C-alpha atoms as a PDB file:
ATOM      1  CA  UNK A   1      10.673  26.279  10.384  1.00  0.00           C
ATOM      2  CA  UNK A   2       8.017  28.731   9.190  1.00  0.00           C
ATOM      3  CA  UNK A   3       5.310  26.216  10.112  1.00  0.00           C
ATOM      4  CA  UNK A   4       6.786  25.888  13.607  1.00  0.00           C
ATOM      5  CA  UNK A   5       6.875  29.665  14.123  1.00  0.00           C
ATOM      6  CA  UNK A   6       3.327  30.020  12.801  1.00  0.00           C
ATOM      7  CA  UNK A   7       2.014  27.224  15.036  1.00  0.00           C
ATOM      8  CA  UNK A   8       3.730  28.701  18.088  1.00  0.00           C
ATOM      9  CA  UNK A   9       2.418  32.210  17.381  1.00  0.00           C
ATOM     10  CA  UNK A  10      -1.101  30.916  16.760  1.00  0.00           C
ATOM     11  CA  UNK A  11      -0.933  28.959  19.995  1.00  0.00           C
ATOM     12  CA  UNK A  12       0.136  32.007  21.996  1.00  0.00           C
ATOM     13  CA  UNK A  13      -2.822  33.936  20.579  1.00  0.00           C
ATOM     14  CA  UNK A  14      -5.176  31.114  21.535  1.00  0.00           C
ATOM     15  CA  UNK A  15      -3.719  30.892  25.029  1.00  0.00           C
ATOM     16  CA  UNK A  16      -4.088  34.614  25.576  1.00  0.00           C
ATOM     17  CA  UNK A  17      -7.605  34.576  24.186  1.00  0.00           C
ATOM     18  CA  UNK A  18      -8.729  31.520  26.102  1.00  0.00           C
ATOM     19  CA  UNK A  19      -9.989  33.310  29.259  1.00  0.00           C
ATOM     20  CA  UNK A  20     -12.183  35.676  27.268  1.00  0.00           C
ATOM     21  CA  UNK A  21     -13.460  32.848  25.106  1.00  0.00           C
ATOM     22  CA  UNK A  22     -14.306  30.800  28.161  1.00  0.00           C
ATOM     23  CA  UNK A  23     -15.961  33.745  29.879  1.00  0.00           C
ATOM     24  CA  UNK A  24     -18.277  34.260  26.924  1.00  0.00           C
ATOM     25  CA  UNK A  25     -19.287  30.603  26.992  1.00  0.00           C
ATOM     26  CA  UNK A  26     -22.400  29.878  29.056  1.00  0.00           C
ATOM     27  CA  UNK A  27     -22.719  26.127  28.495  1.00  0.00           C
ATOM     28  CA  UNK A  28     -19.307  24.453  28.476  1.00  0.00           C
ATOM     29  CA  UNK A  29     -16.875  24.466  31.381  1.00  0.00           C
ATOM     30  CA  UNK A  30     -14.042  26.996  31.470  1.00  0.00           C
ATOM     31  CA  UNK A  31     -11.534  24.224  30.721  1.00  0.00           C
ATOM     32  CA  UNK A  32     -13.497  23.166  27.658  1.00  0.00           C
ATOM     33  CA  UNK A  33     -14.970  26.152  25.789  1.00  0.00           C
ATOM     34  CA  UNK A  34     -15.117  24.089  22.569  1.00  0.00           C
ATOM     35  CA  UNK A  35     -16.966  21.212  24.208  1.00  0.00           C
ATOM     36  CA  UNK A  36     -19.677  20.835  21.566  1.00  0.00           C
ATOM     37  CA  UNK A  37     -17.122  20.367  18.772  1.00  0.00           C
ATOM     38  CA  UNK A  38     -14.864  18.269  20.992  1.00  0.00           C
ATOM     39  CA  UNK A  39     -17.701  15.855  21.748  1.00  0.00           C
ATOM     40  CA  UNK A  40     -18.356  15.376  18.041  1.00  0.00           C
ATOM     41  CA  UNK A  41     -14.699  14.593  17.431  1.00  0.00           C
ATOM     42  CA  UNK A  42     -14.733  12.270  20.453  1.00  0.00           C
ATOM     43  CA  UNK A  43     -17.698  10.362  19.001  1.00  0.00           C
ATOM     44  CA  UNK A  44     -15.904  10.126  15.647  1.00  0.00           C
ATOM     45  CA  UNK A  45     -12.753   8.848  17.368  1.00  0.00           C
ATOM     46  CA  UNK A  46     -14.755   6.255  19.309  1.00  0.00           C
ATOM     47  CA  UNK A  47     -16.310   4.879  16.133  1.00  0.00           C
ATOM     48  CA  UNK A  48     -12.950   4.819  14.355  1.00  0.00           C
ATOM     49  CA  UNK A  49     -11.324   3.151  17.338  1.00  0.00           C
ATOM     50  CA  UNK A  50     -13.935   0.396  17.513  1.00  0.00           C
ATOM     51  CA  UNK A  51     -13.860  -0.259  13.780  1.00  0.00           C
ATOM     52  CA  UNK A  52     -10.176   0.137  12.919  1.00  0.00           C
ATOM     53  CA  UNK A  53      -7.671   1.273  15.536  1.00  0.00           C
ATOM     54  CA  UNK A  54      -8.339  -1.133  18.405  1.00  0.00           C
ATOM     55  CA  UNK A  55      -8.622  -4.255  16.198  1.00  0.00           C
ATOM     56  CA  UNK A  56      -5.394  -3.251  14.435  1.00  0.00           C
ATOM     57  CA  UNK A  57      -3.646  -2.637  17.767  1.00  0.00           C
ATOM     58  CA  UNK A  58      -4.739  -5.962  19.257  1.00  0.00           C
ATOM     59  CA  UNK A  59      -3.755  -7.722  16.043  1.00  0.00           C
ATOM     60  CA  UNK A  60      -0.349  -6.017  16.077  1.00  0.00           C
ATOM     61  CA  UNK A  61       0.271  -7.046  19.697  1.00  0.00           C
ATOM     62  CA  UNK A  62      -0.550 -10.666  18.839  1.00  0.00           C
ATOM     63  CA  UNK A  63       1.349 -10.909  15.559  1.00  0.00           C
ATOM     64  CA  UNK A  64       4.473  -8.807  16.218  1.00  0.00           C
ATOM     65  CA  UNK A  65       6.973 -10.616  18.467  1.00  0.00           C
ATOM     66  CA  UNK A  66       7.322  -9.061  21.901  1.00  0.00           C
ATOM     67  CA  UNK A  67      11.119  -8.567  21.511  1.00  0.00           C
ATOM     68  CA  UNK A  68      10.506  -6.533  18.338  1.00  0.00           C
ATOM     69  CA  UNK A  69       7.899  -4.357  20.050  1.00  0.00           C
ATOM     70  CA  UNK A  70      10.257  -3.858  22.985  1.00  0.00           C
ATOM     71  CA  UNK A  71      13.107  -2.834  20.670  1.00  0.00           C
ATOM     72  CA  UNK A  72      10.914  -0.204  18.974  1.00  0.00           C
ATOM     73  CA  UNK A  73       9.727   1.122  22.304  1.00  0.00           C
ATOM     74  CA  UNK A  74      13.264   1.344  23.723  1.00  0.00           C
ATOM     75  CA  UNK A  75      14.554   3.010  20.551  1.00  0.00           C
ATOM     76  CA  UNK A  76      11.853   5.697  20.541  1.00  0.00           C
ATOM     77  CA  UNK A  77      12.196   6.295  24.290  1.00  0.00           C
ATOM     78  CA  UNK A  78      15.921   6.841  23.797  1.00  0.00           C
ATOM     79  CA  UNK A  79      15.245   9.345  21.007  1.00  0.00           C
ATOM     80  CA  UNK A  80      13.019  11.279  23.430  1.00  0.00           C
ATOM     81  CA  UNK A  81      15.796  11.725  26.005  1.00  0.00           C
ATOM     82  CA  UNK A  82      17.289  14.894  24.428  1.00  0.00           C
ATOM     83  CA  UNK A  83      13.994  16.781  24.796  1.00  0.00           C
ATOM     84  CA  UNK A  84      13.740  15.484  28.365  1.00  0.00           C
ATOM     85  CA  UNK A  85      17.250  16.791  29.093  1.00  0.00           C
ATOM     86  CA  UNK A  86      16.527  20.220  27.569  1.00  0.00           C
ATOM     87  CA  UNK A  87      13.265  20.635  29.463  1.00  0.00           C
ATOM     88  CA  UNK A  88      14.790  19.452  32.749  1.00  0.00           C
ATOM     89  CA  UNK A  89      17.433  22.157  32.317  1.00  0.00           C
ATOM     90  CA  UNK A  90      14.814  24.783  31.432  1.00  0.00           C
ATOM     91  CA  UNK A  91      12.881  23.830  34.580  1.00  0.00           C
ATOM     92  CA  UNK A  92      16.075  24.164  36.675  1.00  0.00           C
ATOM     93  CA  UNK A  93      16.094  20.488  37.671  1.00  0.00           C
ATOM     94  CA  UNK A  94      19.797  19.597  37.408  1.00  0.00           C
ATOM     95  CA  UNK A  95      19.493  16.212  39.123  1.00  0.00           C
ATOM     96  CA  UNK A  96      16.821  15.001  36.690  1.00  0.00           C
ATOM     97  CA  UNK A  97      18.784  16.453  33.752  1.00  0.00           C
ATOM     98  CA  UNK A  98      21.889  14.544  34.846  1.00  0.00           C
ATOM     99  CA  UNK A  99      19.883  11.345  35.162  1.00  0.00           C
ATOM    100  CA  UNK A 100      18.373  11.761  31.675  1.00  0.00           C
ATOM    101  CA  UNK A 101      21.825  12.513  30.258  1.00  0.00           C
ATOM    102  CA  UNK A 102      23.190   9.366  31.861  1.00  0.00           C
ATOM    103  CA  UNK A 103      20.334   7.338  30.390  1.00  0.00           C
ATOM    104  CA  UNK A 104      20.932   8.709  26.910  1.00  0.00           C
ATOM    105  CA  UNK A 105      24.689   8.064  27.014  1.00  0.00           C
ATOM    106  CA  UNK A 106      24.391   4.543  28.436  1.00  0.00           C
ATOM    107  CA  UNK A 107      21.588   3.394  26.142  1.00  0.00           C
ATOM    108  CA  UNK A 108      23.116   4.997  23.045  1.00  0.00           C
ATOM    109  CA  UNK A 109      26.421   3.180  23.609  1.00  0.00           C
ATOM    110  CA  UNK A 110      26.069   0.046  25.697  1.00  0.00           C
ATOM    111  CA  UNK A 111      22.429  -0.262  24.647  1.00  0.00           C
ATOM    112  CA  UNK A 112      23.365  -0.367  20.954  1.00  0.00           C
ATOM    113  CA  UNK A 113      21.727   2.889  19.923  1.00  0.00           C
ATOM    114  CA  UNK A 114      18.852   2.543  22.355  1.00  0.00           C
ATOM    115  CA  UNK A 115      17.400  -0.802  21.298  1.00  0.00           C
ATOM    116  CA  UNK A 116      18.365  -2.159  24.727  1.00  0.00           C
ATOM    117  CA  UNK A 117      17.310  -0.337  27.888  1.00  0.00           C
ATOM    118  CA  UNK A 118      20.464  -0.934  29.902  1.00  0.00           C
ATOM    119  CA  UNK A 119      20.043   2.297  31.882  1.00  0.00           C
ATOM    120  CA  UNK A 120      16.897   1.152  33.685  1.00  0.00           C
ATOM    121  CA  UNK A 121      18.795  -1.844  35.060  1.00  0.00           C
ATOM    122  CA  UNK A 122      21.478   0.630  36.176  1.00  0.00           C
ATOM    123  CA  UNK A 123      18.883   2.482  38.301  1.00  0.00           C
ATOM    124  CA  UNK A 124      18.329   5.229  35.711  1.00  0.00           C
ATOM    125  CA  UNK A 125      14.611   4.940  34.872  1.00  0.00           C
ATOM    126  CA  UNK A 126      12.964   6.913  32.084  1.00  0.00           C
ATOM    127  CA  UNK A 127      11.118  10.064  33.250  1.00  0.00           C
ATOM    128  CA  UNK A 128       9.128  11.856  30.590  1.00  0.00           C
ATOM    129  CA  UNK A 129       9.166  15.613  30.197  1.00  0.00           C
ATOM    130  CA  UNK A 130       8.261  18.099  27.500  1.00  0.00           C
ATOM    131  CA  UNK A 131       7.978  21.740  26.556  1.00  0.00           C
ATOM    132  CA  UNK A 132       4.293  21.820  27.540  1.00  0.00           C
ATOM    133  CA  UNK A 133       5.336  20.928  31.092  1.00  0.00           C
ATOM    134  CA  UNK A 134       8.012  23.637  30.972  1.00  0.00           C
ATOM    135  CA  UNK A 135       5.416  26.233  29.958  1.00  0.00           C
ATOM    136  CA  UNK A 136       3.154  25.092  32.802  1.00  0.00           C
ATOM    137  CA  UNK A 137       6.110  25.173  35.200  1.00  0.00           C
ATOM    138  CA  UNK A 138       6.430  28.913  34.515  1.00  0.00           C
ATOM    139  CA  UNK A 139       2.727  29.616  34.868  1.00  0.00           C
ATOM    140  CA  UNK A 140       1.469  29.405  31.272  1.00  0.00           C
ATOM    141  CA  UNK A 141      -2.154  28.252  31.284  1.00  0.00           C
ATOM    142  CA  UNK A 142      -3.362  25.096  29.552  1.00  0.00           C
ATOM    143  CA  UNK A 143      -5.562  27.025  27.182  1.00  0.00           C
ATOM    144  CA  UNK A 144      -8.720  25.402  25.803  1.00  0.00           C
ATOM    145  CA  UNK A 145      -9.104  21.646  25.974  1.00  0.00           C
ATOM    146  CA  UNK A 146      -8.951  20.112  22.492  1.00  0.00           C
ATOM    147  CA  UNK A 147      -9.946  16.629  21.359  1.00  0.00           C
ATOM    148  CA  UNK A 148      -7.778  15.983  18.329  1.00  0.00           C
ATOM    149  CA  UNK A 149      -9.025  13.611  15.603  1.00  0.00           C
ATOM    150  CA  UNK A 150      -7.352  10.184  15.907  1.00  0.00           C
ATOM    151  CA  UNK A 151      -4.794  11.500  18.420  1.00  0.00           C
ATOM    152  CA  UNK A 152      -7.135  12.150  21.360  1.00  0.00           C
ATOM    153  CA  UNK A 153      -7.149  14.601  24.313  1.00  0.00           C
ATOM    154  CA  UNK A 154      -4.876  17.636  24.333  1.00  0.00           C
ATOM    155  CA  UNK A 155      -4.751  21.314  25.208  1.00  0.00           C
ATOM    156  CA  UNK A 156      -3.510  24.249  23.177  1.00  0.00           C
ATOM    157  CA  UNK A 157      -0.419  24.354  25.403  1.00  0.00           C
ATOM    158  CA  UNK A 158       0.308  20.662  24.855  1.00  0.00           C
ATOM    159  CA  UNK A 159      -0.046  21.091  21.079  1.00  0.00           C
ATOM    160  CA  UNK A 160       2.518  23.906  21.155  1.00  0.00           C
ATOM    161  CA  UNK A 161       4.739  21.729  23.312  1.00  0.00           C
ATOM    162  CA  UNK A 162       4.545  18.804  20.916  1.00  0.00           C
ATOM    163  CA  UNK A 163       5.748  21.020  18.047  1.00  0.00           C
ATOM    164  CA  UNK A 164       8.726  22.217  20.104  1.00  0.00           C
ATOM    165  CA  UNK A 165       9.486  18.671  21.289  1.00  0.00           C
ATOM    166  CA  UNK A 166       9.551  17.458  17.685  1.00  0.00           C
ATOM    167  CA  UNK A 167      12.336  19.922  16.899  1.00  0.00           C
ATOM    168  CA  UNK A 168      14.393  18.484  19.794  1.00  0.00           C
ATOM    169  CA  UNK A 169      14.271  14.943  18.398  1.00  0.00           C
ATOM    170  CA  UNK A 170      17.513  13.736  16.740  1.00  0.00           C
ATOM    171  CA  UNK A 171      15.435  12.357  13.849  1.00  0.00           C
ATOM    172  CA  UNK A 172      14.394  15.927  12.997  1.00  0.00           C
ATOM    173  CA  UNK A 173      17.987  16.927  12.238  1.00  0.00           C
ATOM    174  CA  UNK A 174      19.406  13.712  10.751  1.00  0.00           C
ATOM    175  CA  UNK A 175      19.046  13.139   7.013  1.00  0.00           C
ATOM    176  CA  UNK A 176      18.817   9.505   5.924  1.00  0.00           C
ATOM    177  CA  UNK A 177      17.243   7.531   3.048  1.00  0.00           C
ATOM    178  CA  UNK A 178      13.485   6.971   3.179  1.00  0.00           C
ATOM    179  CA  UNK A 179      13.234   9.343   6.115  1.00  0.00           C
ATOM    180  CA  UNK A 180       9.496   9.953   5.794  1.00  0.00           C
ATOM    181  CA  UNK A 181       8.593   6.278   5.388  1.00  0.00           C
ATOM    182  CA  UNK A 182      10.722   5.218   8.367  1.00  0.00           C
ATOM    183  CA  UNK A 183       9.345   7.979  10.606  1.00  0.00           C
ATOM    184  CA  UNK A 184       5.748   7.128   9.740  1.00  0.00           C
ATOM    185  CA  UNK A 185       6.367   3.395  10.217  1.00  0.00           C
ATOM    186  CA  UNK A 186       7.964   3.882  13.638  1.00  0.00           C
ATOM    187  CA  UNK A 187       5.192   6.220  14.737  1.00  0.00           C
ATOM    188  CA  UNK A 188       2.499   3.843  13.529  1.00  0.00           C
ATOM    189  CA  UNK A 189       4.096   0.851  15.250  1.00  0.00           C
ATOM    190  CA  UNK A 190       4.477   2.769  18.519  1.00  0.00           C
ATOM    191  CA  UNK A 191       0.922   4.092  18.300  1.00  0.00           C
ATOM    192  CA  UNK A 192      -0.558   0.616  17.832  1.00  0.00           C
ATOM    193  CA  UNK A 193       1.620  -0.769  20.604  1.00  0.00           C
ATOM    194  CA  UNK A 194       0.542   2.011  22.947  1.00  0.00           C
ATOM    195  CA  UNK A 195      -3.150   1.534  22.100  1.00  0.00           C
ATOM    196  CA  UNK A 196      -2.949  -2.186  22.871  1.00  0.00           C
ATOM    197  CA  UNK A 197      -0.984  -1.438  26.032  1.00  0.00           C
ATOM    198  CA  UNK A 198      -3.590   0.911  27.548  1.00  0.00           C
ATOM    199  CA  UNK A 199      -6.623  -1.088  26.421  1.00  0.00           C
ATOM    200  CA  UNK A 200      -7.358  -2.492  29.880  1.00  0.00           C
ATOM    201  CA  UNK A 201      -6.724   0.822  31.661  1.00  0.00           C
ATOM    202  CA  UNK A 202      -8.979   2.686  29.239  1.00  0.00           C
ATOM    203  CA  UNK A 203     -11.772   0.169  29.744  1.00  0.00           C
ATOM    204  CA  UNK A 204     -11.554   0.371  33.535  1.00  0.00           C
ATOM    205  CA  UNK A 205     -11.477   4.179  33.377  1.00  0.00           C
ATOM    206  CA  UNK A 206     -14.695   4.488  31.368  1.00  0.00           C
ATOM    207  CA  UNK A 207     -16.549   1.257  32.235  1.00  0.00           C
ATOM    208  CA  UNK A 208     -18.766   2.741  34.960  1.00  0.00           C
ATOM    209  CA  UNK A 209     -18.563   6.374  33.866  1.00  0.00           C
ATOM    210  CA  UNK A 210     -21.850   8.179  33.336  1.00  0.00           C
ATOM    211  CA  UNK A 211     -20.085  10.515  30.879  1.00  0.00           C
ATOM    212  CA  UNK A 212     -16.925   8.874  29.456  1.00  0.00           C
ATOM    213  CA  UNK A 213     -15.968  12.063  27.592  1.00  0.00           C
ATOM    214  CA  UNK A 214     -15.930  14.095  30.823  1.00  0.00           C
ATOM    215  CA  UNK A 215     -14.084  11.306  32.646  1.00  0.00           C
ATOM    216  CA  UNK A 216     -11.291  11.218  30.049  1.00  0.00           C
ATOM    217  CA  UNK A 217     -11.072  15.025  30.055  1.00  0.00           C
ATOM    218  CA  UNK A 218     -10.790  15.150  33.843  1.00  0.00           C
ATOM    219  CA  UNK A 219      -8.148  12.402  33.975  1.00  0.00           C
ATOM    220  CA  UNK A 220      -6.079  14.050  31.246  1.00  0.00           C
ATOM    221  CA  UNK A 221      -6.123  17.516  32.817  1.00  0.00           C
ATOM    222  CA  UNK A 222      -5.313  16.135  36.274  1.00  0.00           C
ATOM    223  CA  UNK A 223      -2.373  14.152  34.923  1.00  0.00           C
ATOM    224  CA  UNK A 224      -1.051  17.190  33.083  1.00  0.00           C
ATOM    225  CA  UNK A 225      -1.224  19.263  36.266  1.00  0.00           C
ATOM    226  CA  UNK A 226       0.499  16.496  38.223  1.00  0.00           C
ATOM    227  CA  UNK A 227       3.371  16.528  35.729  1.00  0.00           C
ATOM    228  CA  UNK A 228       3.683  20.305  36.080  1.00  0.00           C
ATOM    229  CA  UNK A 229       3.694  20.022  39.876  1.00  0.00           C
ATOM    230  CA  UNK A 230       6.245  17.230  39.769  1.00  0.00           C
ATOM    231  CA  UNK A 231       3.847  14.837  41.538  1.00  0.00           C
ATOM    232  CA  UNK A 232       4.964  11.847  39.484  1.00  0.00           C
ATOM    233  CA  UNK A 233       3.437   9.418  41.989  1.00  0.00           C
ATOM    234  CA  UNK A 234      -0.029  10.788  41.229  1.00  0.00           C
ATOM    235  CA  UNK A 235       0.306  10.428  37.470  1.00  0.00           C
ATOM    236  CA  UNK A 236      -1.530   7.431  36.089  1.00  0.00           C
ATOM    237  CA  UNK A 237       1.301   5.522  34.444  1.00  0.00           C
ATOM    238  CA  UNK A 238       1.075   3.058  31.614  1.00  0.00           C
ATOM    239  CA  UNK A 239       1.225  -0.648  32.429  1.00  0.00           C
ATOM    240  CA  UNK A 240       4.637  -2.252  32.354  1.00  0.00           C
ATOM    241  CA  UNK A 241       5.454  -3.746  28.955  1.00  0.00           C
ATOM    242  CA  UNK A 242       6.351  -7.176  30.355  1.00  0.00           C
ATOM    243  CA  UNK A 243       3.148  -7.267  32.374  1.00  0.00           C
ATOM    244  CA  UNK A 244       0.956  -6.461  29.362  1.00  0.00           C
ATOM    245  CA  UNK A 245      -0.391  -9.924  28.709  1.00  0.00           C
ATOM    246  CA  UNK A 246      -1.763 -10.791  25.301  1.00  0.00           C
ATOM    247  CA  UNK A 247      -5.588 -11.030  25.400  1.00  0.00           C
ATOM    248  CA  UNK A 248      -6.697 -14.677  25.770  1.00  0.00           C
ATOM    249  CA  UNK A 249      -8.066 -16.498  22.775  1.00  0.00           C
ATOM    250  CA  UNK A 250     -11.861 -16.822  22.505  1.00  0.00           C
ATOM    251  CA  UNK A 251     -13.190 -19.706  24.571  1.00  0.00           C
ATOM    252  CA  UNK A 252     -10.267 -19.754  27.008  1.00  0.00           C
ATOM    253  CA  UNK A 253     -11.593 -20.205  30.551  1.00  0.00           C
ATOM    254  CA  UNK A 254     -10.693 -17.449  33.000  1.00  0.00           C
ATOM    255  CA  UNK A 255      -7.903 -18.189  35.487  1.00  0.00           C
ATOM    256  CA  UNK A 256      -8.913 -19.599  38.856  1.00  0.00           C
ATOM    257  CA  UNK A 257      -9.192 -16.973  41.598  1.00  0.00           C
ATOM    258  CA  UNK A 258      -6.568 -17.010  44.357  1.00  0.00           C
ATOM    259  CA  UNK A 259      -7.445 -18.685  47.671  1.00  0.00           C
ATOM    260  CA  UNK A 260      -9.624 -16.464  49.815  1.00  0.00           C
ATOM    261  CA  UNK A 261      -7.535 -16.998  52.931  1.00  0.00           C
ATOM    262  CA  UNK A 262      -4.107 -16.623  51.338  1.00  0.00           C
ATOM    263  CA  UNK A 263      -1.684 -15.000  53.794  1.00  0.00           C
ATOM    264  CA  UNK A 264      -0.360 -11.560  52.975  1.00  0.00           C
ATOM    265  CA  UNK A 265       3.247 -11.289  51.732  1.00  0.00           C
ATOM    266  CA  UNK A 266       5.660 -11.260  54.667  1.00  0.00           C
ATOM    267  CA  UNK A 267       3.084 -12.597  57.097  1.00  0.00           C
ATOM    268  CA  UNK A 268       4.929 -15.206  59.172  1.00  0.00           C
ATOM    269  CA  UNK A 269       2.264 -15.722  61.758  1.00  0.00           C
ATOM    270  CA  UNK A 270       1.597 -19.380  62.524  1.00  0.00           C
ATOM    271  CA  UNK A 271      -1.825 -20.760  61.650  1.00  0.00           C
ATOM    272  CA  UNK A 272      -4.414 -20.618  64.355  1.00  0.00           C
ATOM    273  CA  UNK A 273      -4.810 -23.696  66.549  1.00  0.00           C
ATOM    274  CA  UNK A 274      -7.812 -24.923  68.420  1.00  0.00           C
ATOM    275  CA  UNK A 275      -8.078 -23.296  71.887  1.00  0.00           C
ATOM    276  CA  UNK A 276      -6.711 -25.408  74.702  1.00  0.00           C
ATOM    277  CA  UNK A 277      -8.032 -25.661  78.234  1.00  0.00           C
ATOM    278  CA  UNK A 278      -5.858 -23.846  80.751  1.00  0.00           C
ATOM    279  CA  UNK A 279      -3.613 -26.128  82.764  1.00  0.00           C
ATOM    280  CA  UNK A 280      -4.384 -26.435  86.499  1.00  0.00           C
ATOM    281  CA  UNK A 281      -2.692 -28.144  89.399  1.00  0.00           C
ATOM    282  CA  UNK A 282      -5.835 -29.944  90.411  1.00  0.00           C
ATOM    283  CA  UNK A 283      -6.699 -33.332  89.007  1.00  0.00           C
ATOM    284  CA  UNK A 284     -10.131 -33.244  87.426  1.00  0.00           C
ATOM    285  CA  UNK A 285     -12.690 -35.288  89.367  1.00  0.00           C
ATOM    286  CA  UNK A 286     -13.429 -38.751  88.079  1.00  0.00           C
ATOM    287  CA  UNK A 287     -16.760 -39.202  86.403  1.00  0.00           C
ATOM    288  CA  UNK A 288     -19.581 -40.475  88.609  1.00  0.00           C
ATOM    289  CA  UNK A 289     -20.115 -44.223  88.398  1.00  0.00           C
ATOM    290  CA  UNK A 290     -22.972 -45.429  86.305  1.00  0.00           C
ATOM    291  CA  UNK A 291     -25.751 -47.056  88.387  1.00  0.00           C
ATOM    292  CA  UNK A 292     -25.852 -50.787  87.987  1.00  0.00           C
ATOM    293  CA  UNK A 293     -28.945 -51.917  86.169  1.00  0.00           C
ATOM    294  CA  UNK A 294     -29.135 -55.042  88.416  1.00  0.00           C
ATOM    295  CA  UNK A 295     -29.778 -52.915  91.508  1.00  0.00           C
END
């Protein structure tokens, strides 16, 4: 608890000092006063990702059975529902809080402790929320942009929020054997699964970017602001788990492209026919006789 209080107090100091720190900075943008250090950490993360994290994530997605990965994802999503409920209440969103409560009750009982996502099929989809979004909802600034080693993009506000969200997790309060080992194993499995899941989206985001670091920073900050505003449709969501195909084996030919003239879904228009001559009441004149060669 002392560490939590210290981290929260340090974060408040950083948030309050962020405008002055940014104002004194002549090079970096106001959202990123620590840009020089952040870029070094970003370069380190990129090298680590290419050498270790991405190969491990792709290997995990190929080796671990999809049902097992889905069970872990459902279980961890269900454990996150209490912090969603608390933050929905703090943001005065009773409808969303009721929906999250319904999800947690249904999945914890009928869903066998959350390993089955029964609530989504009952029209109760998961909607993420956190204490960082609550702080933003009440006007607390992001604070400086921070690129965290291994973890990735964040802000001082989101780091404070993650500490508070951790306290709201049921696993924080429950004592069970091998607690540390189980927590680390679940986090590692979810992290690898998530990295494999967003591999295609991350490539498409940075493929044509002149400055990938700035592109990732802009996308992250925009998504955070969209969550604060409640514009969930504008937030770039993760790909659906069932649609996350395993990368093809080397040497596999690419799938054939769809037909160029395929009709759009729901298009019932009949195919075009050759134009016909308009009907008339007059009989067309007979062709002129061919002159006889004998004459």
